[in-house]
Every structure is written in structure tokens, then in C-alpha cells.
């Protein structure tokens, strides 16, 4: 049940993203659910490999290159899922940061109220 709640929260946060950033477009709640699922799968399967492969540059930039990796995954999802569009790679990095912050805040509030 907790996984489904987290998935729904992430989808709702994705729906809020176009209101915060004009460069992001989400077609609807169904699209947001698919994007949240695909993004979650990419974060579990591909992100660790990218972090390890880019470890030298990540150490050199004191971890800031992780923002680029997150933006790359966000942009990849926008390329894969129809109905989810991001204007450019730079906006993908910004959208990934905003999405992470909003998702973290909402998840913290909802999960804390459930305990």
C-alpha cells in the first residue's frame, strides 16, 4: 500500500510541475502515472550504473554532476513517454530538481501524517 501511495504522490507532483515551470508539459493524470513508473524504474535500474560510471567527474564536482544525471534521466523519460514534454536538457535538469524537492516535501508530509 505504501508503494502505491508513493507512486500516486509522485504522479501528482508531476502534474504540479507544469504550473511551476512553463517548459514542462504533462498531458494528464494517466500520463503522470506512466512517467512516475518509468522514472522510478530508470532510477532503480540505470541511475546506479550511471553514478558508478561517472564517479570520477562526480568526485571532481563534489557531487554536483548528480544533478546532470537526474536531468538526463528526466529528459530520457520525456523522450520515451508520449504526452510528457520538456523544452530542453537545461530545463530537464531544473525540472528534475524541482520535482525532487516537491516530491520529497509532499511525501514527507503525507507519510508523517500516516504514522
C-alpha atoms as a PDB file:
ATOM      1  CA  UNK A   1       0.000   0.000   0.000  1.00  0.00           C
ATOM      2  CA  UNK A   2       2.868   2.365   0.800  1.00  0.00           C
ATOM      3  CA  UNK A   3       4.363   1.854  -2.677  1.00  0.00           C
ATOM      4  CA  UNK A   4       1.061   2.728  -4.365  1.00  0.00           C
ATOM      5  CA  UNK A   5       0.714   5.840  -2.212  1.00  0.00           C
ATOM      6  CA  UNK A   6       4.247   6.915  -3.133  1.00  0.00           C
ATOM      7  CA  UNK A   7       3.515   6.298  -6.804  1.00  0.00           C
ATOM      8  CA  UNK A   8       0.345   8.419  -6.635  1.00  0.00           C
ATOM      9  CA  UNK A   9       2.185  11.198  -4.789  1.00  0.00           C
ATOM     10  CA  UNK A  10       4.909  11.254  -7.443  1.00  0.00           C
ATOM     11  CA  UNK A  11       2.278  11.373 -10.204  1.00  0.00           C
ATOM     12  CA  UNK A  12       0.533  14.304  -8.506  1.00  0.00           C
ATOM     13  CA  UNK A  13       3.868  16.098  -8.142  1.00  0.00           C
ATOM     14  CA  UNK A  14       4.459  15.573 -11.861  1.00  0.00           C
ATOM     15  CA  UNK A  15       1.060  17.119 -12.550  1.00  0.00           C
ATOM     16  CA  UNK A  16       2.063  20.184 -10.497  1.00  0.00           C
ATOM     17  CA  UNK A  17       5.304  20.629 -12.448  1.00  0.00           C
ATOM     18  CA  UNK A  18       3.775  22.472 -15.473  1.00  0.00           C
ATOM     19  CA  UNK A  19       2.316  25.036 -13.057  1.00  0.00           C
ATOM     20  CA  UNK A  20       5.762  25.685 -11.615  1.00  0.00           C
ATOM     21  CA  UNK A  21       7.754  25.531 -14.869  1.00  0.00           C
ATOM     22  CA  UNK A  22       6.403  26.578 -18.264  1.00  0.00           C
ATOM     23  CA  UNK A  23       8.934  24.379 -20.078  1.00  0.00           C
ATOM     24  CA  UNK A  24       7.305  21.147 -18.831  1.00  0.00           C
ATOM     25  CA  UNK A  25       4.050  19.710 -20.169  1.00  0.00           C
ATOM     26  CA  UNK A  26       2.113  16.716 -18.846  1.00  0.00           C
ATOM     27  CA  UNK A  27      -0.953  15.548 -20.790  1.00  0.00           C
ATOM     28  CA  UNK A  28      -2.932  14.180 -17.850  1.00  0.00           C
ATOM     29  CA  UNK A  29      -3.013  12.025 -14.740  1.00  0.00           C
ATOM     30  CA  UNK A  30      -2.609   8.796 -16.727  1.00  0.00           C
ATOM     31  CA  UNK A  31       0.496  10.165 -18.388  1.00  0.00           C
ATOM     32  CA  UNK A  32       1.804  11.290 -14.995  1.00  0.00           C
ATOM     33  CA  UNK A  33       1.308   7.763 -13.618  1.00  0.00           C
ATOM     34  CA  UNK A  34       3.245   6.272 -16.537  1.00  0.00           C
ATOM     35  CA  UNK A  35       6.016   8.874 -16.194  1.00  0.00           C
ATOM     36  CA  UNK A  36       6.293   8.210 -12.446  1.00  0.00           C
ATOM     37  CA  UNK A  37       6.542   4.467 -13.105  1.00  0.00           C
ATOM     38  CA  UNK A  38       9.124   4.771 -15.890  1.00  0.00           C
ATOM     39  CA  UNK A  39      11.150   7.322 -13.916  1.00  0.00           C
ATOM     40  CA  UNK A  40      11.129   5.044 -10.891  1.00  0.00           C
ATOM     41  CA  UNK A  41      12.286   2.073 -12.959  1.00  0.00           C
ATOM     42  CA  UNK A  42      15.079   4.088 -14.590  1.00  0.00           C
ATOM     43  CA  UNK A  43      16.179   5.380 -11.187  1.00  0.00           C
ATOM     44  CA  UNK A  44      16.378   1.826  -9.878  1.00  0.00           C
ATOM     45  CA  UNK A  45      17.971   0.179 -12.925  1.00  0.00           C
ATOM     46  CA  UNK A  46      20.062   2.758 -14.812  1.00  0.00           C
ATOM     47  CA  UNK A  47      20.901   5.520 -12.315  1.00  0.00           C
ATOM     48  CA  UNK A  48      23.263   3.401 -10.156  1.00  0.00           C
ATOM     49  CA  UNK A  49      25.215   2.361 -13.252  1.00  0.00           C
ATOM     50  CA  UNK A  50      25.495   5.983 -14.403  1.00  0.00           C
ATOM     51  CA  UNK A  51      26.616   7.089 -10.936  1.00  0.00           C
ATOM     52  CA  UNK A  52      29.373   4.460 -10.914  1.00  0.00           C
ATOM     53  CA  UNK A  53      30.476   5.210 -14.485  1.00  0.00           C
ATOM     54  CA  UNK A  54      30.678   8.942 -13.783  1.00  0.00           C
ATOM     55  CA  UNK A  55      32.224   8.607 -10.336  1.00  0.00           C
ATOM     56  CA  UNK A  56      35.472  10.460 -11.220  1.00  0.00           C
ATOM     57  CA  UNK A  57      33.651  13.510 -12.576  1.00  0.00           C
ATOM     58  CA  UNK A  58      31.165  13.302  -9.717  1.00  0.00           C
ATOM     59  CA  UNK A  59      34.003  13.400  -7.191  1.00  0.00           C
ATOM     60  CA  UNK A  60      35.653  16.248  -9.092  1.00  0.00           C
ATOM     61  CA  UNK A  61      32.443  18.316  -8.990  1.00  0.00           C
ATOM     62  CA  UNK A  62      31.739  17.380  -5.359  1.00  0.00           C
ATOM     63  CA  UNK A  63      28.570  15.515  -6.320  1.00  0.00           C
ATOM     64  CA  UNK A  64      27.027  18.256  -8.433  1.00  0.00           C
ATOM     65  CA  UNK A  65      27.212  16.067 -11.549  1.00  0.00           C
ATOM     66  CA  UNK A  66      24.408  14.020  -9.990  1.00  0.00           C
ATOM     67  CA  UNK A  67      22.050  16.846 -10.991  1.00  0.00           C
ATOM     68  CA  UNK A  68      23.098  16.305 -14.605  1.00  0.00           C
ATOM     69  CA  UNK A  69      22.430  12.564 -14.303  1.00  0.00           C
ATOM     70  CA  UNK A  70      18.980  13.238 -12.819  1.00  0.00           C
ATOM     71  CA  UNK A  71      18.233  15.698 -15.625  1.00  0.00           C
ATOM     72  CA  UNK A  72      19.397  13.161 -18.198  1.00  0.00           C
ATOM     73  CA  UNK A  73      17.035  10.531 -16.808  1.00  0.00           C
ATOM     74  CA  UNK A  74      14.187  13.058 -16.713  1.00  0.00           C
ATOM     75  CA  UNK A  75      14.870  14.019 -20.322  1.00  0.00           C
ATOM     76  CA  UNK A  76      15.060  10.340 -21.319  1.00  0.00           C
ATOM     77  CA  UNK A  77      11.626   9.744 -19.821  1.00  0.00           C
ATOM     78  CA  UNK A  78      10.281  12.757 -21.730  1.00  0.00           C
ATOM     79  CA  UNK A  79      11.675  11.221 -24.912  1.00  0.00           C
ATOM     80  CA  UNK A  80      10.154   7.813 -24.128  1.00  0.00           C
ATOM     81  CA  UNK A  81       6.666   8.742 -22.897  1.00  0.00           C
ATOM     82  CA  UNK A  82       4.257  10.476 -25.236  1.00  0.00           C
ATOM     83  CA  UNK A  83       2.387  13.325 -23.546  1.00  0.00           C
ATOM     84  CA  UNK A  84       5.306  14.313 -21.319  1.00  0.00           C
ATOM     85  CA  UNK A  85       7.461  17.032 -22.838  1.00  0.00           C
ATOM     86  CA  UNK A  86      10.385  19.129 -21.652  1.00  0.00           C
ATOM     87  CA  UNK A  87      11.687  22.065 -23.701  1.00  0.00           C
ATOM     88  CA  UNK A  88      15.431  21.341 -23.418  1.00  0.00           C
ATOM     89  CA  UNK A  89      18.086  19.482 -21.473  1.00  0.00           C
ATOM     90  CA  UNK A  90      18.726  22.510 -19.254  1.00  0.00           C
ATOM     91  CA  UNK A  91      15.050  22.623 -18.359  1.00  0.00           C
ATOM     92  CA  UNK A  92      15.179  18.881 -17.690  1.00  0.00           C
ATOM     93  CA  UNK A  93      17.852  19.460 -15.036  1.00  0.00           C
ATOM     94  CA  UNK A  94      15.810  22.255 -13.443  1.00  0.00           C
ATOM     95  CA  UNK A  95      12.601  20.189 -13.657  1.00  0.00           C
ATOM     96  CA  UNK A  96      14.324  17.201 -12.025  1.00  0.00           C
ATOM     97  CA  UNK A  97      15.487  19.392  -9.141  1.00  0.00           C
ATOM     98  CA  UNK A  98      12.065  20.993  -8.644  1.00  0.00           C
ATOM     99  CA  UNK A  99      10.306  17.621  -8.955  1.00  0.00           C
ATOM    100  CA  UNK A 100      12.643  16.067  -6.387  1.00  0.00           C
ATOM    101  CA  UNK A 101      12.076  18.889  -3.904  1.00  0.00           C
ATOM    102  CA  UNK A 102       8.294  18.952  -4.308  1.00  0.00           C
ATOM    103  CA  UNK A 103       8.027  15.159  -4.209  1.00  0.00           C
ATOM    104  CA  UNK A 104      10.209  14.966  -1.105  1.00  0.00           C
ATOM    105  CA  UNK A 105       8.206  17.646   0.701  1.00  0.00           C
ATOM    106  CA  UNK A 106       4.803  16.155  -0.117  1.00  0.00           C
ATOM    107  CA  UNK A 107       5.933  12.607   0.639  1.00  0.00           C
ATOM    108  CA  UNK A 108       7.350  13.710   3.986  1.00  0.00           C
ATOM    109  CA  UNK A 109       4.092  15.402   4.941  1.00  0.00           C
ATOM    110  CA  UNK A 110       1.823  12.566   3.821  1.00  0.00           C
ATOM    111  CA  UNK A 111       3.945   9.715   5.171  1.00  0.00           C
ATOM    112  CA  UNK A 112       4.460  11.509   8.509  1.00  0.00           C
ATOM    113  CA  UNK A 113       0.715  12.013   8.915  1.00  0.00           C
ATOM    114  CA  UNK A 114       0.104   8.319   8.239  1.00  0.00           C
ATOM    115  CA  UNK A 115       2.318   7.138  11.122  1.00  0.00           C
END
